[in-house]
């Protein structure tokens, strides 16, 4: 059974904000690994690959479905595994994050847990992706 609490606990189990193994090193970030680890705790598949290729795998998966940002937020609030993914159109590295329930101070906001230049267990979508990047969203039952 999915619940917001189970999703929060999955993020806490991996703890990207404090996990030594997920910290960026020499310009290399591990958003793909953090997302994969959190998905594993939630018992949903995510291929081991770079974020750009994870996006392509999600788009071709029969188990994951594409949703809009509001549906992604609602699904995360209900505890369903939901991902925000940006595929870099230049071929450079993309970014992937797990959508998480919004904190009480900002109900209705879109929040993510991710490893990147700055790792977080719960931060705004814009803080992780920027204002000019529009990620795609995928959710799993």
N, C-alpha and C. Protein backbone atom coordinates (compact mmCIF):
# COMPACT_ATOMS: atom_id res chain seq x y z
N UNK A 1 0.84 -1.18 0.00
CA UNK A 1 0.00 0.00 0.00
C UNK A 1 0.88 1.25 0.00
N UNK A 2 0.58 2.16 -0.87
CA UNK A 2 1.35 3.40 -0.99
C UNK A 2 0.84 4.43 0.01
N UNK A 3 1.78 5.20 0.55
CA UNK A 3 1.41 6.29 1.44
C UNK A 3 2.50 7.36 1.38
N UNK A 4 2.10 8.58 1.70
CA UNK A 4 3.08 9.66 1.74
C UNK A 4 4.18 9.34 2.75
N UNK A 5 3.80 8.75 3.88
CA UNK A 5 4.78 8.42 4.92
C UNK A 5 5.82 7.41 4.40
N UNK A 6 5.36 6.40 3.65
CA UNK A 6 6.29 5.40 3.09
C UNK A 6 7.25 6.06 2.10
N UNK A 7 6.77 7.01 1.34
CA UNK A 7 7.63 7.72 0.39
C UNK A 7 8.68 8.55 1.14
N UNK A 8 8.25 9.25 2.17
CA UNK A 8 9.18 10.04 2.99
C UNK A 8 10.21 9.12 3.65
N UNK A 9 9.77 7.96 4.12
CA UNK A 9 10.69 7.01 4.75
C UNK A 9 11.70 6.44 3.75
N UNK A 10 11.28 6.23 2.51
CA UNK A 10 12.19 5.75 1.47
C UNK A 10 13.29 6.78 1.21
N UNK A 11 12.91 8.04 1.15
CA UNK A 11 13.90 9.11 0.97
C UNK A 11 14.84 9.15 2.18
N UNK A 12 14.27 9.05 3.38
CA UNK A 12 15.09 9.09 4.60
C UNK A 12 16.05 7.91 4.65
N UNK A 13 15.64 6.76 4.14
CA UNK A 13 16.51 5.58 4.14
C UNK A 13 17.75 5.80 3.29
N UNK A 14 17.60 6.48 2.17
CA UNK A 14 18.73 6.78 1.28
C UNK A 14 19.43 8.06 1.72
N UNK A 15 18.66 9.04 2.17
CA UNK A 15 19.17 10.31 2.71
C UNK A 15 20.19 10.98 1.78
N UNK A 16 19.76 11.36 0.57
CA UNK A 16 20.72 11.98 -0.35
C UNK A 16 21.40 13.22 0.21
N UNK A 17 20.72 13.95 1.08
CA UNK A 17 21.31 15.18 1.62
C UNK A 17 22.56 14.91 2.45
N UNK A 18 22.63 13.74 3.08
CA UNK A 18 23.75 13.46 3.98
C UNK A 18 24.58 12.24 3.60
N UNK A 19 24.16 11.51 2.59
CA UNK A 19 24.87 10.30 2.20
C UNK A 19 26.22 10.64 1.58
N UNK A 20 27.28 10.15 2.20
CA UNK A 20 28.63 10.41 1.69
C UNK A 20 28.79 9.87 0.27
N UNK A 21 28.23 8.70 0.00
CA UNK A 21 28.42 8.07 -1.31
C UNK A 21 27.67 8.79 -2.43
N UNK A 22 26.73 9.68 -2.11
CA UNK A 22 25.98 10.39 -3.14
C UNK A 22 26.42 11.84 -3.32
N UNK A 23 27.47 12.25 -2.61
CA UNK A 23 27.95 13.63 -2.73
C UNK A 23 28.68 13.81 -4.06
N UNK A 24 28.54 14.99 -4.68
CA UNK A 24 29.26 15.23 -5.94
C UNK A 24 30.77 15.22 -5.72
N UNK A 25 31.48 14.65 -6.70
CA UNK A 25 32.94 14.58 -6.63
C UNK A 25 33.53 14.91 -8.00
N UNK A 26 34.46 15.83 -7.98
CA UNK A 26 35.15 16.21 -9.22
C UNK A 26 34.18 16.54 -10.35
N UNK A 27 33.11 17.24 -10.01
CA UNK A 27 32.13 17.63 -11.02
C UNK A 27 31.15 16.55 -11.41
N UNK A 28 31.27 15.37 -10.83
CA UNK A 28 30.37 14.26 -11.15
C UNK A 28 29.29 14.20 -10.08
N UNK A 29 28.04 14.23 -10.52
CA UNK A 29 26.92 14.11 -9.59
C UNK A 29 26.25 12.75 -9.77
N UNK A 30 25.49 12.34 -8.80
CA UNK A 30 24.92 10.99 -8.80
C UNK A 30 23.40 11.00 -8.66
N UNK A 31 22.74 11.90 -9.37
CA UNK A 31 21.28 11.95 -9.31
C UNK A 31 20.67 10.64 -9.78
N UNK A 32 21.26 10.04 -10.80
CA UNK A 32 20.75 8.78 -11.34
C UNK A 32 20.80 7.67 -10.30
N UNK A 33 21.88 7.59 -9.55
CA UNK A 33 22.01 6.55 -8.53
C UNK A 33 21.08 6.81 -7.35
N UNK A 34 20.95 8.06 -6.93
CA UNK A 34 20.05 8.39 -5.83
C UNK A 34 18.61 8.01 -6.19
N UNK A 35 18.19 8.36 -7.40
CA UNK A 35 16.83 8.02 -7.83
C UNK A 35 16.64 6.51 -7.88
N UNK A 36 17.64 5.82 -8.39
CA UNK A 36 17.55 4.35 -8.48
C UNK A 36 17.48 3.72 -7.09
N UNK A 37 18.27 4.20 -6.16
CA UNK A 37 18.25 3.67 -4.80
C UNK A 37 16.89 3.91 -4.14
N UNK A 38 16.34 5.12 -4.29
CA UNK A 38 15.04 5.41 -3.69
C UNK A 38 13.94 4.57 -4.33
N UNK A 39 14.03 4.36 -5.64
CA UNK A 39 13.05 3.50 -6.31
C UNK A 39 13.16 2.06 -5.80
N UNK A 40 14.37 1.60 -5.55
CA UNK A 40 14.56 0.24 -5.03
C UNK A 40 13.89 0.09 -3.66
N UNK A 41 14.04 1.09 -2.80
CA UNK A 41 13.39 1.04 -1.49
C UNK A 41 11.87 0.99 -1.66
N UNK A 42 11.37 1.69 -2.67
CA UNK A 42 9.93 1.71 -2.94
C UNK A 42 9.47 0.49 -3.75
N UNK A 43 10.41 -0.37 -4.09
CA UNK A 43 10.16 -1.61 -4.83
C UNK A 43 9.57 -1.37 -6.22
N UNK A 44 10.16 -0.39 -6.92
CA UNK A 44 9.81 -0.14 -8.31
C UNK A 44 11.09 -0.11 -9.13
N UNK A 45 11.03 -0.53 -10.38
CA UNK A 45 12.24 -0.61 -11.20
C UNK A 45 12.68 0.75 -11.74
N UNK A 46 13.99 0.92 -11.80
CA UNK A 46 14.60 2.04 -12.52
C UNK A 46 15.96 1.55 -12.99
N UNK A 47 16.16 1.61 -14.29
CA UNK A 47 17.37 1.10 -14.90
C UNK A 47 18.61 1.83 -14.35
N UNK A 48 19.71 1.10 -14.25
CA UNK A 48 20.97 1.70 -13.82
C UNK A 48 21.64 2.29 -15.05
N UNK A 49 21.62 3.62 -15.14
CA UNK A 49 22.18 4.31 -16.30
C UNK A 49 22.25 5.79 -15.97
N UNK A 50 22.74 6.60 -16.90
CA UNK A 50 22.75 8.04 -16.70
C UNK A 50 21.32 8.58 -16.84
N UNK A 51 21.09 9.78 -16.31
CA UNK A 51 19.74 10.35 -16.29
C UNK A 51 19.10 10.44 -17.67
N UNK A 52 19.87 10.84 -18.70
CA UNK A 52 19.30 10.92 -20.05
C UNK A 52 18.75 9.57 -20.49
N UNK A 53 19.49 8.51 -20.24
CA UNK A 53 19.04 7.17 -20.63
C UNK A 53 17.94 6.65 -19.73
N UNK A 54 17.96 7.05 -18.46
CA UNK A 54 16.85 6.68 -17.57
C UNK A 54 15.56 7.29 -18.09
N UNK A 55 15.62 8.53 -18.56
CA UNK A 55 14.43 9.17 -19.13
C UNK A 55 13.90 8.37 -20.31
N UNK A 56 14.77 7.96 -21.21
CA UNK A 56 14.33 7.18 -22.37
C UNK A 56 13.73 5.84 -21.94
N UNK A 57 14.34 5.20 -20.95
CA UNK A 57 13.83 3.93 -20.44
C UNK A 57 12.45 4.12 -19.82
N UNK A 58 12.28 5.18 -19.03
CA UNK A 58 10.97 5.47 -18.42
C UNK A 58 9.90 5.69 -19.48
N UNK A 59 10.26 6.44 -20.52
CA UNK A 59 9.30 6.74 -21.59
C UNK A 59 8.88 5.50 -22.34
N UNK A 60 9.74 4.48 -22.39
CA UNK A 60 9.40 3.25 -23.12
C UNK A 60 8.84 2.16 -22.20
N UNK A 61 8.86 2.40 -20.90
CA UNK A 61 8.41 1.40 -19.95
C UNK A 61 6.89 1.28 -19.94
N UNK A 62 6.41 0.06 -19.81
CA UNK A 62 4.97 -0.16 -19.69
C UNK A 62 4.51 0.03 -18.25
N UNK A 63 5.45 0.07 -17.31
CA UNK A 63 5.10 0.19 -15.89
C UNK A 63 5.04 1.65 -15.41
N UNK A 64 5.75 2.53 -16.08
CA UNK A 64 5.75 3.94 -15.72
C UNK A 64 4.89 4.69 -16.71
N UNK A 65 4.14 5.69 -16.24
CA UNK A 65 3.34 6.49 -17.17
C UNK A 65 3.71 7.96 -17.04
N UNK A 66 3.63 8.67 -18.14
CA UNK A 66 3.91 10.10 -18.18
C UNK A 66 2.72 10.85 -17.61
N UNK A 67 3.01 11.85 -16.77
CA UNK A 67 1.95 12.69 -16.20
C UNK A 67 2.39 14.14 -16.24
N UNK A 68 1.44 15.05 -16.02
CA UNK A 68 1.78 16.47 -15.94
C UNK A 68 2.24 16.81 -14.52
N UNK A 69 2.72 18.02 -14.33
CA UNK A 69 3.31 18.41 -13.06
C UNK A 69 2.30 18.33 -11.91
N UNK A 70 1.07 18.73 -12.14
CA UNK A 70 0.07 18.69 -11.06
C UNK A 70 -0.27 17.25 -10.68
N UNK A 71 -0.39 16.38 -11.66
CA UNK A 71 -0.64 14.97 -11.36
C UNK A 71 0.56 14.38 -10.64
N UNK A 72 1.76 14.76 -11.04
CA UNK A 72 2.97 14.28 -10.37
C UNK A 72 2.95 14.69 -8.91
N UNK A 73 2.60 15.94 -8.64
CA UNK A 73 2.54 16.42 -7.26
C UNK A 73 1.50 15.63 -6.46
N UNK A 74 0.33 15.44 -7.03
CA UNK A 74 -0.74 14.70 -6.36
C UNK A 74 -0.35 13.25 -6.10
N UNK A 75 0.29 12.64 -7.08
CA UNK A 75 0.71 11.24 -6.92
C UNK A 75 1.74 11.11 -5.80
N UNK A 76 2.69 12.02 -5.74
CA UNK A 76 3.69 11.99 -4.67
C UNK A 76 3.01 12.21 -3.32
N UNK A 77 2.07 13.13 -3.26
CA UNK A 77 1.34 13.38 -2.01
C UNK A 77 0.59 12.13 -1.54
N UNK A 78 0.23 11.27 -2.49
CA UNK A 78 -0.46 10.01 -2.15
C UNK A 78 0.51 8.85 -1.97
N UNK A 79 1.81 9.12 -2.13
CA UNK A 79 2.82 8.10 -1.88
C UNK A 79 3.24 7.27 -3.07
N UNK A 80 2.79 7.62 -4.26
CA UNK A 80 3.18 6.86 -5.44
C UNK A 80 4.55 7.31 -5.94
N UNK A 81 5.41 6.36 -6.29
CA UNK A 81 6.73 6.72 -6.82
C UNK A 81 6.57 7.58 -8.07
N UNK A 82 7.18 8.75 -8.03
CA UNK A 82 7.03 9.71 -9.12
C UNK A 82 8.38 10.38 -9.34
N UNK A 83 8.77 10.52 -10.58
CA UNK A 83 10.08 11.07 -10.93
C UNK A 83 9.95 12.31 -11.81
N UNK A 84 10.83 13.27 -11.58
CA UNK A 84 11.00 14.42 -12.47
C UNK A 84 12.31 14.19 -13.21
N UNK A 85 12.27 14.27 -14.53
CA UNK A 85 13.46 13.97 -15.32
C UNK A 85 13.63 14.99 -16.43
N UNK A 86 14.85 15.48 -16.55
CA UNK A 86 15.19 16.37 -17.65
C UNK A 86 16.26 15.70 -18.48
N UNK A 87 15.95 15.49 -19.75
CA UNK A 87 16.94 14.95 -20.68
C UNK A 87 17.62 16.12 -21.36
N UNK A 88 18.93 16.20 -21.23
CA UNK A 88 19.70 17.28 -21.81
C UNK A 88 19.69 17.15 -23.33
N UNK A 89 19.11 18.12 -24.05
CA UNK A 89 19.02 18.02 -25.51
C UNK A 89 20.36 18.13 -26.22
N UNK A 90 21.40 18.62 -25.52
CA UNK A 90 22.71 18.75 -26.14
C UNK A 90 23.53 17.47 -26.03
N UNK A 91 22.99 16.50 -25.28
CA UNK A 91 23.73 15.26 -25.08
C UNK A 91 24.54 15.28 -23.79
N UNK A 92 24.63 16.45 -23.15
CA UNK A 92 25.30 16.53 -21.85
C UNK A 92 24.43 15.84 -20.79
N UNK A 93 24.90 15.86 -19.56
CA UNK A 93 24.18 15.18 -18.50
C UNK A 93 22.83 15.84 -18.23
N UNK A 94 21.82 15.00 -18.01
CA UNK A 94 20.50 15.46 -17.62
C UNK A 94 20.38 15.43 -16.10
N UNK A 95 19.16 15.37 -15.62
CA UNK A 95 18.93 15.35 -14.18
C UNK A 95 17.65 14.56 -13.89
N UNK A 96 17.66 13.84 -12.75
CA UNK A 96 16.51 13.07 -12.32
C UNK A 96 16.35 13.24 -10.81
N UNK A 97 15.09 13.31 -10.36
CA UNK A 97 14.80 13.49 -8.95
C UNK A 97 13.49 12.78 -8.62
N UNK A 98 13.33 12.42 -7.36
CA UNK A 98 12.10 11.80 -6.88
C UNK A 98 11.18 12.91 -6.36
N UNK A 99 9.95 12.94 -6.84
CA UNK A 99 8.98 13.92 -6.35
C UNK A 99 8.50 13.45 -4.98
N UNK A 100 8.49 14.37 -4.02
CA UNK A 100 8.13 14.03 -2.64
C UNK A 100 6.99 14.92 -2.17
N UNK A 101 6.30 14.51 -1.10
CA UNK A 101 5.24 15.36 -0.56
C UNK A 101 5.80 16.72 -0.12
N UNK A 102 5.01 17.76 -0.35
CA UNK A 102 5.41 19.12 0.03
C UNK A 102 5.39 19.26 1.55
N UNK A 103 6.28 20.09 2.08
CA UNK A 103 6.24 20.34 3.52
C UNK A 103 4.98 21.13 3.88
N UNK A 104 4.60 21.09 5.14
CA UNK A 104 3.38 21.75 5.61
C UNK A 104 3.39 23.25 5.32
N UNK A 105 4.59 23.86 5.29
CA UNK A 105 4.69 25.30 5.05
C UNK A 105 4.33 25.70 3.62
N UNK A 106 4.29 24.74 2.70
CA UNK A 106 4.04 25.05 1.29
C UNK A 106 3.16 23.99 0.63
N UNK A 107 1.94 23.79 1.16
CA UNK A 107 1.07 22.79 0.54
C UNK A 107 0.78 23.20 -0.91
N UNK A 108 0.81 22.25 -1.78
CA UNK A 108 0.59 22.53 -3.19
C UNK A 108 1.85 22.79 -3.97
N UNK A 109 2.99 22.90 -3.28
CA UNK A 109 4.25 23.10 -3.96
C UNK A 109 4.78 21.78 -4.50
N UNK A 110 5.66 21.86 -5.48
CA UNK A 110 6.28 20.66 -6.05
C UNK A 110 7.69 20.56 -5.48
N UNK A 111 7.95 19.45 -4.79
CA UNK A 111 9.22 19.23 -4.10
C UNK A 111 9.85 17.93 -4.56
N UNK A 112 11.18 17.88 -4.48
CA UNK A 112 11.91 16.69 -4.90
C UNK A 112 13.02 16.35 -3.91
N UNK A 113 13.41 15.09 -3.96
CA UNK A 113 14.61 14.61 -3.30
C UNK A 113 15.57 14.22 -4.40
N UNK A 114 16.85 14.63 -4.26
CA UNK A 114 17.79 14.38 -5.35
C UNK A 114 19.23 14.53 -4.89
N UNK A 115 20.09 13.94 -5.68
CA UNK A 115 21.53 14.19 -5.57
C UNK A 115 21.91 14.99 -6.81
N UNK A 116 22.69 16.00 -6.61
CA UNK A 116 23.10 16.85 -7.72
C UNK A 116 24.24 17.73 -7.28
N UNK A 117 24.29 18.95 -7.82
CA UNK A 117 25.30 19.89 -7.35
C UNK A 117 25.06 20.19 -5.88
N UNK A 118 23.79 20.14 -5.48
CA UNK A 118 23.40 20.27 -4.08
C UNK A 118 22.39 19.16 -3.78
N UNK A 119 22.72 18.30 -2.85
CA UNK A 119 21.85 17.17 -2.52
C UNK A 119 20.77 17.60 -1.55
N UNK A 120 19.60 16.98 -1.68
CA UNK A 120 18.47 17.36 -0.84
C UNK A 120 17.52 16.18 -0.61
N UNK A 121 16.88 16.19 0.53
CA UNK A 121 15.81 15.23 0.80
C UNK A 121 14.45 15.84 0.48
N UNK A 122 14.39 17.17 0.44
CA UNK A 122 13.13 17.86 0.14
C UNK A 122 13.44 19.31 -0.19
N UNK A 123 13.37 19.64 -1.47
CA UNK A 123 13.60 21.01 -1.91
C UNK A 123 12.70 21.27 -3.11
N UNK A 124 12.51 22.53 -3.43
CA UNK A 124 11.61 22.86 -4.53
C UNK A 124 12.13 22.32 -5.86
N UNK A 125 11.21 22.04 -6.73
CA UNK A 125 11.54 21.58 -8.08
C UNK A 125 12.47 22.58 -8.75
N UNK A 126 12.15 23.88 -8.64
CA UNK A 126 12.97 24.91 -9.29
C UNK A 126 14.37 24.98 -8.73
N UNK A 127 14.54 24.68 -7.44
CA UNK A 127 15.88 24.70 -6.84
C UNK A 127 16.76 23.62 -7.45
N UNK A 128 16.18 22.51 -7.83
CA UNK A 128 16.96 21.41 -8.40
C UNK A 128 17.11 21.52 -9.91
N UNK A 129 16.08 21.99 -10.60
CA UNK A 129 16.10 22.01 -12.07
C UNK A 129 16.32 23.40 -12.66
N UNK A 130 16.11 24.44 -11.88
CA UNK A 130 16.23 25.80 -12.39
C UNK A 130 14.91 26.28 -12.97
N UNK A 131 14.85 27.55 -13.24
CA UNK A 131 13.61 28.14 -13.73
C UNK A 131 13.38 27.93 -15.22
N UNK A 132 14.44 27.64 -15.97
CA UNK A 132 14.30 27.53 -17.42
C UNK A 132 14.26 26.09 -17.91
N UNK A 133 14.29 25.14 -16.98
CA UNK A 133 14.25 23.73 -17.37
C UNK A 133 12.91 23.14 -16.96
N UNK A 134 12.26 22.49 -17.89
CA UNK A 134 10.95 21.90 -17.64
C UNK A 134 11.06 20.38 -17.72
N UNK A 135 11.16 19.74 -16.57
CA UNK A 135 11.31 18.28 -16.59
C UNK A 135 10.02 17.59 -17.01
N UNK A 136 10.18 16.35 -17.40
CA UNK A 136 9.03 15.47 -17.63
C UNK A 136 8.79 14.72 -16.33
N UNK A 137 7.58 14.22 -16.18
CA UNK A 137 7.22 13.51 -14.96
C UNK A 137 6.69 12.12 -15.30
N UNK A 138 7.13 11.15 -14.52
CA UNK A 138 6.72 9.75 -14.68
C UNK A 138 6.27 9.23 -13.33
N UNK A 139 5.22 8.41 -13.32
CA UNK A 139 4.74 7.85 -12.07
C UNK A 139 4.48 6.36 -12.23
N UNK A 140 4.52 5.66 -11.12
CA UNK A 140 4.38 4.22 -11.08
C UNK A 140 3.33 3.87 -10.03
N UNK A 141 2.55 2.84 -10.32
CA UNK A 141 1.57 2.40 -9.32
C UNK A 141 2.25 1.58 -8.26
